[in-house]
Amino acid sequence: MPEEDLVELKFRLYDGTDIGPISYSSASTVAMLKERIVSDWPKDKKVTPKTASDVKLICAGKILENNKTVGQCKTPFGELPGGVITMHVVVQPSLVKTKAEKKVDDPPGKSICSCSIL
């Protein structure tokens, strides 16, 4: 793979720590990056993504779509020779899981009616 096809990326986590920098092909998809982030996630963090769908990547203020390639996401200022592009990582568990967890944790409420008709 020629060197100009490689893009150096690092991923900034919520607490300011980084994963990387790591070189990726410009043909790599955002979905592939997310899988790598989940597998390389530090084990000592309180917030941990369970799947790649729990991860959102932000670059230059835009949330990146899974089907986009790294080459499509590059911004002009990221093309500096030897420059490392920083992408911000947001962990956001899917709503389906969150609702399912709530149902298990919250006991069902009983409605008590104390109306009297005279």
N, C-alpha and C. Protein backbone atom coordinates (compact mmCIF):
# COMPACT_ATOMS: atom_id res chain seq x y z
N MET A 1 0.85 -1.18 0.00
CA MET A 1 0.00 0.00 0.00
C MET A 1 0.89 1.24 0.00
N PRO A 2 0.75 2.13 -0.97
CA PRO A 2 1.57 3.34 -1.00
C PRO A 2 1.33 4.20 0.23
N GLU A 3 2.36 4.93 0.63
CA GLU A 3 2.27 5.71 1.86
C GLU A 3 1.23 6.82 1.78
N GLU A 4 1.00 7.41 0.58
CA GLU A 4 0.02 8.49 0.49
C GLU A 4 -1.41 8.00 0.69
N ASP A 5 -1.64 6.68 0.61
CA ASP A 5 -2.97 6.13 0.86
C ASP A 5 -3.23 5.93 2.35
N LEU A 6 -2.22 6.13 3.18
CA LEU A 6 -2.39 5.95 4.62
C LEU A 6 -2.72 7.28 5.29
N VAL A 7 -3.61 7.21 6.25
CA VAL A 7 -4.00 8.39 7.03
C VAL A 7 -3.75 8.05 8.49
N GLU A 8 -3.09 8.94 9.20
CA GLU A 8 -2.78 8.71 10.60
C GLU A 8 -3.88 9.34 11.46
N LEU A 9 -4.52 8.49 12.28
CA LEU A 9 -5.65 8.93 13.10
C LEU A 9 -5.39 8.62 14.57
N LYS A 10 -5.90 9.50 15.42
CA LYS A 10 -5.99 9.17 16.85
C LYS A 10 -7.39 9.50 17.30
N PHE A 11 -7.82 8.80 18.30
CA PHE A 11 -9.20 8.91 18.77
C PHE A 11 -9.20 9.45 20.19
N ARG A 12 -9.80 10.62 20.38
CA ARG A 12 -9.86 11.27 21.69
C ARG A 12 -11.09 10.79 22.44
N LEU A 13 -10.88 10.20 23.61
CA LEU A 13 -11.97 9.68 24.42
C LEU A 13 -12.55 10.78 25.30
N TYR A 14 -13.65 10.47 25.97
CA TYR A 14 -14.40 11.46 26.77
C TYR A 14 -13.59 12.07 27.89
N ASP A 15 -12.56 11.36 28.40
CA ASP A 15 -11.78 11.88 29.52
C ASP A 15 -10.47 12.55 29.08
N GLY A 16 -10.29 12.72 27.77
CA GLY A 16 -9.10 13.38 27.25
C GLY A 16 -7.97 12.45 26.87
N THR A 17 -8.09 11.16 27.17
CA THR A 17 -7.05 10.21 26.76
C THR A 17 -7.26 9.83 25.29
N ASP A 18 -6.25 9.25 24.70
CA ASP A 18 -6.29 8.92 23.28
C ASP A 18 -6.06 7.44 23.03
N ILE A 19 -6.64 6.96 21.94
CA ILE A 19 -6.28 5.67 21.35
C ILE A 19 -5.54 6.01 20.08
N GLY A 20 -4.32 5.55 19.93
CA GLY A 20 -3.56 5.83 18.72
C GLY A 20 -2.46 6.81 19.00
N PRO A 21 -1.83 7.34 17.99
CA PRO A 21 -2.19 7.35 16.57
C PRO A 21 -1.91 6.01 15.89
N ILE A 22 -2.77 5.69 14.92
CA ILE A 22 -2.68 4.47 14.14
C ILE A 22 -2.89 4.85 12.68
N SER A 23 -2.14 4.21 11.80
CA SER A 23 -2.28 4.47 10.36
C SER A 23 -3.36 3.57 9.78
N TYR A 24 -4.23 4.18 9.00
CA TYR A 24 -5.33 3.47 8.33
C TYR A 24 -5.28 3.78 6.84
N SER A 25 -5.78 2.85 6.06
CA SER A 25 -5.94 3.09 4.63
C SER A 25 -7.04 4.12 4.44
N SER A 26 -6.90 4.97 3.44
CA SER A 26 -7.96 5.95 3.19
C SER A 26 -9.23 5.28 2.68
N ALA A 27 -9.15 3.99 2.32
CA ALA A 27 -10.33 3.24 1.90
C ALA A 27 -11.06 2.58 3.08
N SER A 28 -10.50 2.66 4.29
CA SER A 28 -11.16 2.09 5.47
C SER A 28 -12.45 2.84 5.75
N THR A 29 -13.48 2.11 6.15
CA THR A 29 -14.76 2.76 6.44
C THR A 29 -14.82 3.19 7.90
N VAL A 30 -15.74 4.09 8.19
CA VAL A 30 -15.96 4.55 9.56
C VAL A 30 -16.41 3.36 10.43
N ALA A 31 -17.20 2.45 9.87
CA ALA A 31 -17.63 1.27 10.62
C ALA A 31 -16.42 0.43 11.05
N MET A 32 -15.42 0.31 10.18
CA MET A 32 -14.20 -0.43 10.53
C MET A 32 -13.45 0.26 11.66
N LEU A 33 -13.41 1.59 11.63
CA LEU A 33 -12.74 2.35 12.68
C LEU A 33 -13.43 2.12 14.02
N LYS A 34 -14.76 2.12 14.01
CA LYS A 34 -15.52 1.92 15.24
C LYS A 34 -15.25 0.54 15.83
N GLU A 35 -15.18 -0.48 14.97
CA GLU A 35 -14.87 -1.84 15.46
C GLU A 35 -13.50 -1.86 16.13
N ARG A 36 -12.54 -1.17 15.53
CA ARG A 36 -11.19 -1.13 16.10
C ARG A 36 -11.19 -0.40 17.44
N ILE A 37 -11.96 0.69 17.53
CA ILE A 37 -12.05 1.45 18.78
C ILE A 37 -12.61 0.57 19.89
N VAL A 38 -13.68 -0.16 19.60
CA VAL A 38 -14.29 -1.04 20.61
C VAL A 38 -13.29 -2.09 21.06
N SER A 39 -12.53 -2.67 20.13
CA SER A 39 -11.57 -3.71 20.51
C SER A 39 -10.36 -3.15 21.27
N ASP A 40 -9.97 -1.89 20.98
CA ASP A 40 -8.81 -1.27 21.65
C ASP A 40 -9.19 -0.44 22.86
N TRP A 41 -10.48 -0.41 23.23
CA TRP A 41 -10.95 0.46 24.32
C TRP A 41 -10.24 0.08 25.62
N PRO A 42 -9.72 1.07 26.36
CA PRO A 42 -9.04 0.77 27.63
C PRO A 42 -10.01 0.12 28.63
N LYS A 43 -9.54 -0.92 29.29
CA LYS A 43 -10.40 -1.70 30.21
C LYS A 43 -10.72 -0.97 31.50
N ASP A 44 -9.94 0.07 31.85
CA ASP A 44 -10.13 0.76 33.13
C ASP A 44 -11.13 1.91 33.08
N LYS A 45 -11.79 2.13 31.97
CA LYS A 45 -12.73 3.24 31.83
C LYS A 45 -14.09 2.87 32.42
N LYS A 46 -14.76 3.86 33.01
CA LYS A 46 -16.10 3.65 33.57
C LYS A 46 -17.14 3.46 32.47
N VAL A 47 -17.04 4.27 31.42
CA VAL A 47 -17.97 4.19 30.29
C VAL A 47 -17.29 3.37 29.20
N THR A 48 -17.93 2.26 28.82
CA THR A 48 -17.36 1.36 27.83
C THR A 48 -18.40 1.01 26.79
N PRO A 49 -18.06 1.14 25.49
CA PRO A 49 -19.01 0.72 24.46
C PRO A 49 -19.05 -0.80 24.38
N LYS A 50 -20.26 -1.35 24.21
CA LYS A 50 -20.40 -2.80 24.08
C LYS A 50 -20.27 -3.22 22.62
N THR A 51 -20.76 -2.39 21.72
CA THR A 51 -20.70 -2.68 20.29
C THR A 51 -20.29 -1.42 19.53
N ALA A 52 -19.97 -1.60 18.27
CA ALA A 52 -19.60 -0.45 17.44
C ALA A 52 -20.76 0.53 17.26
N SER A 53 -21.99 0.04 17.36
CA SER A 53 -23.14 0.95 17.21
C SER A 53 -23.30 1.88 18.41
N ASP A 54 -22.59 1.60 19.51
CA ASP A 54 -22.61 2.48 20.68
C ASP A 54 -21.65 3.67 20.51
N VAL A 55 -20.85 3.65 19.46
CA VAL A 55 -19.80 4.65 19.26
C VAL A 55 -20.19 5.62 18.16
N LYS A 56 -19.98 6.90 18.43
CA LYS A 56 -20.14 7.95 17.42
C LYS A 56 -18.76 8.59 17.24
N LEU A 57 -18.37 8.79 15.99
CA LEU A 57 -17.10 9.47 15.70
C LEU A 57 -17.40 10.86 15.17
N ILE A 58 -16.67 11.84 15.69
CA ILE A 58 -16.85 13.22 15.27
C ILE A 58 -15.51 13.74 14.77
N CYS A 59 -15.54 14.31 13.58
CA CYS A 59 -14.34 14.92 13.00
C CYS A 59 -14.74 16.25 12.38
N ALA A 60 -14.03 17.29 12.74
CA ALA A 60 -14.31 18.64 12.24
C ALA A 60 -15.75 19.05 12.51
N GLY A 61 -16.29 18.63 13.66
CA GLY A 61 -17.63 19.04 14.07
C GLY A 61 -18.75 18.25 13.42
N LYS A 62 -18.43 17.20 12.67
CA LYS A 62 -19.47 16.43 12.00
C LYS A 62 -19.46 14.98 12.49
N ILE A 63 -20.65 14.43 12.73
CA ILE A 63 -20.77 13.02 13.07
C ILE A 63 -20.58 12.23 11.78
N LEU A 64 -19.66 11.27 11.82
CA LEU A 64 -19.31 10.52 10.62
C LEU A 64 -20.25 9.33 10.42
N GLU A 65 -20.65 9.11 9.18
CA GLU A 65 -21.55 8.01 8.83
C GLU A 65 -20.75 6.74 8.61
N ASN A 66 -21.32 5.59 9.01
CA ASN A 66 -20.62 4.31 8.93
C ASN A 66 -20.15 3.95 7.53
N ASN A 67 -20.91 4.32 6.50
CA ASN A 67 -20.56 3.91 5.14
C ASN A 67 -19.52 4.80 4.48
N LYS A 68 -19.13 5.89 5.12
CA LYS A 68 -18.11 6.80 4.56
C LYS A 68 -16.72 6.20 4.77
N THR A 69 -15.81 6.53 3.86
CA THR A 69 -14.42 6.08 4.02
C THR A 69 -13.62 7.18 4.70
N VAL A 70 -12.46 6.79 5.20
CA VAL A 70 -11.57 7.77 5.84
C VAL A 70 -11.19 8.85 4.83
N GLY A 71 -10.96 8.47 3.59
CA GLY A 71 -10.61 9.44 2.55
C GLY A 71 -11.71 10.45 2.33
N GLN A 72 -12.97 10.04 2.43
CA GLN A 72 -14.09 10.96 2.26
C GLN A 72 -14.26 11.89 3.46
N CYS A 73 -13.78 11.47 4.62
CA CYS A 73 -13.96 12.25 5.85
C CYS A 73 -12.84 13.25 6.07
N LYS A 74 -11.74 13.09 5.35
CA LYS A 74 -10.60 14.00 5.57
C LYS A 74 -11.00 15.42 5.25
N THR A 75 -10.53 16.32 6.08
CA THR A 75 -10.75 17.74 5.83
C THR A 75 -9.47 18.32 5.24
N PRO A 76 -9.53 19.43 4.53
CA PRO A 76 -8.33 19.98 3.90
C PRO A 76 -7.18 20.22 4.87
N PHE A 77 -7.47 20.67 6.09
CA PHE A 77 -6.38 20.92 7.03
C PHE A 77 -5.79 19.63 7.57
N GLY A 78 -6.47 18.49 7.37
CA GLY A 78 -5.94 17.21 7.81
C GLY A 78 -4.94 16.62 6.84
N GLU A 79 -4.72 17.29 5.71
CA GLU A 79 -3.82 16.77 4.70
C GLU A 79 -2.40 17.30 4.85
N LEU A 80 -2.06 17.81 6.01
CA LEU A 80 -0.70 18.28 6.25
C LEU A 80 0.23 17.07 6.25
N PRO A 81 1.41 17.19 5.65
CA PRO A 81 2.32 16.05 5.65
C PRO A 81 2.73 15.68 7.07
N GLY A 82 2.59 14.42 7.39
CA GLY A 82 2.95 13.94 8.73
C GLY A 82 1.95 14.34 9.80
N GLY A 83 0.83 14.93 9.43
CA GLY A 83 -0.16 15.37 10.40
C GLY A 83 -1.03 14.22 10.88
N VAL A 84 -1.44 14.28 12.12
CA VAL A 84 -2.33 13.27 12.70
C VAL A 84 -3.70 13.89 12.83
N ILE A 85 -4.72 13.21 12.33
CA ILE A 85 -6.10 13.70 12.44
C ILE A 85 -6.70 13.16 13.73
N THR A 86 -7.25 14.05 14.53
CA THR A 86 -7.90 13.64 15.78
C THR A 86 -9.40 13.55 15.55
N MET A 87 -9.96 12.39 15.90
CA MET A 87 -11.41 12.19 15.86
C MET A 87 -11.88 12.02 17.30
N HIS A 88 -12.99 12.64 17.61
CA HIS A 88 -13.54 12.55 18.96
C HIS A 88 -14.52 11.38 19.03
N VAL A 89 -14.46 10.67 20.14
CA VAL A 89 -15.29 9.47 20.32
C VAL A 89 -16.35 9.76 21.38
N VAL A 90 -17.60 9.52 21.02
CA VAL A 90 -18.71 9.66 21.97
C VAL A 90 -19.35 8.29 22.12
N VAL A 91 -19.52 7.86 23.36
CA VAL A 91 -20.18 6.58 23.62
C VAL A 91 -21.63 6.87 23.95
N GLN A 92 -22.52 6.32 23.15
CA GLN A 92 -23.94 6.55 23.32
C GLN A 92 -24.65 5.21 23.15
N PRO A 93 -24.99 4.53 24.26
CA PRO A 93 -25.69 3.25 24.14
C PRO A 93 -26.99 3.41 23.37
N SER A 94 -27.34 2.39 22.61
CA SER A 94 -28.56 2.47 21.82
C SER A 94 -29.78 2.58 22.73
N LEU A 95 -30.83 3.23 22.24
CA LEU A 95 -32.03 3.46 23.04
C LEU A 95 -32.75 2.16 23.38
N VAL A 96 -32.71 1.19 22.51
CA VAL A 96 -33.39 -0.08 22.77
C VAL A 96 -32.82 -0.73 24.01
N LYS A 97 -31.50 -0.73 24.13
CA LYS A 97 -30.87 -1.33 25.30
C LYS A 97 -31.20 -0.54 26.56
N THR A 98 -31.17 0.78 26.46
CA THR A 98 -31.45 1.62 27.62
C THR A 98 -32.87 1.37 28.13
N LYS A 99 -33.85 1.30 27.23
CA LYS A 99 -35.22 1.06 27.64
C LYS A 99 -35.37 -0.34 28.24
N ALA A 100 -34.70 -1.32 27.67
CA ALA A 100 -34.78 -2.68 28.20
C ALA A 100 -34.19 -2.75 29.60
N GLU A 101 -33.06 -2.06 29.82
CA GLU A 101 -32.45 -2.05 31.14
C GLU A 101 -33.35 -1.37 32.16
N LYS A 102 -34.03 -0.30 31.77
CA LYS A 102 -34.93 0.41 32.69
C LYS A 102 -36.07 -0.49 33.12
N LYS A 103 -36.63 -1.25 32.18
CA LYS A 103 -37.75 -2.11 32.51
C LYS A 103 -37.36 -3.15 33.53
N VAL A 104 -36.13 -3.64 33.46
CA VAL A 104 -35.66 -4.64 34.41
C VAL A 104 -35.43 -4.00 35.77
N ASP A 105 -34.85 -2.80 35.79
CA ASP A 105 -34.50 -2.14 37.04
C ASP A 105 -35.69 -1.53 37.76
N ASP A 106 -36.68 -1.01 37.03
CA ASP A 106 -37.82 -0.35 37.64
C ASP A 106 -38.95 -1.34 37.88
N PRO A 107 -39.37 -1.51 39.15
CA PRO A 107 -40.51 -2.40 39.39
C PRO A 107 -41.78 -1.76 38.83
N PRO A 108 -42.69 -2.56 38.35
CA PRO A 108 -43.92 -1.98 37.81
C PRO A 108 -44.71 -1.26 38.90
N GLY A 109 -45.20 -0.08 38.57
CA GLY A 109 -45.96 0.70 39.54
C GLY A 109 -47.41 0.24 39.59
N LYS A 110 -47.99 0.27 40.78
CA LYS A 110 -49.40 -0.09 40.93
C LYS A 110 -50.19 1.19 41.06
N SER A 111 -51.27 1.25 40.30
CA SER A 111 -52.10 2.43 40.41
C SER A 111 -53.23 2.11 41.41
N ILE A 112 -53.34 2.95 42.38
CA ILE A 112 -54.36 2.76 43.41
C ILE A 112 -55.36 3.89 43.28
N CYS A 113 -56.59 3.51 43.13
CA CYS A 113 -57.65 4.50 43.00
C CYS A 113 -58.48 4.44 44.29
N SER A 114 -58.66 5.56 44.91
CA SER A 114 -59.46 5.58 46.14
C SER A 114 -60.66 6.50 45.99
N CYS A 115 -61.31 6.44 44.84
CA CYS A 115 -62.49 7.26 44.59
C CYS A 115 -63.72 6.60 45.20
N SER A 116 -64.63 7.41 45.72
CA SER A 116 -65.89 6.90 46.25
C SER A 116 -67.02 7.67 45.58
N ILE A 117 -68.00 6.93 45.11
CA ILE A 117 -69.16 7.56 44.51
C ILE A 117 -70.29 7.47 45.53
N LEU A 118 -70.85 8.59 45.88
CA LEU A 118 -71.93 8.62 46.87
C LEU A 118 -73.26 8.87 46.26
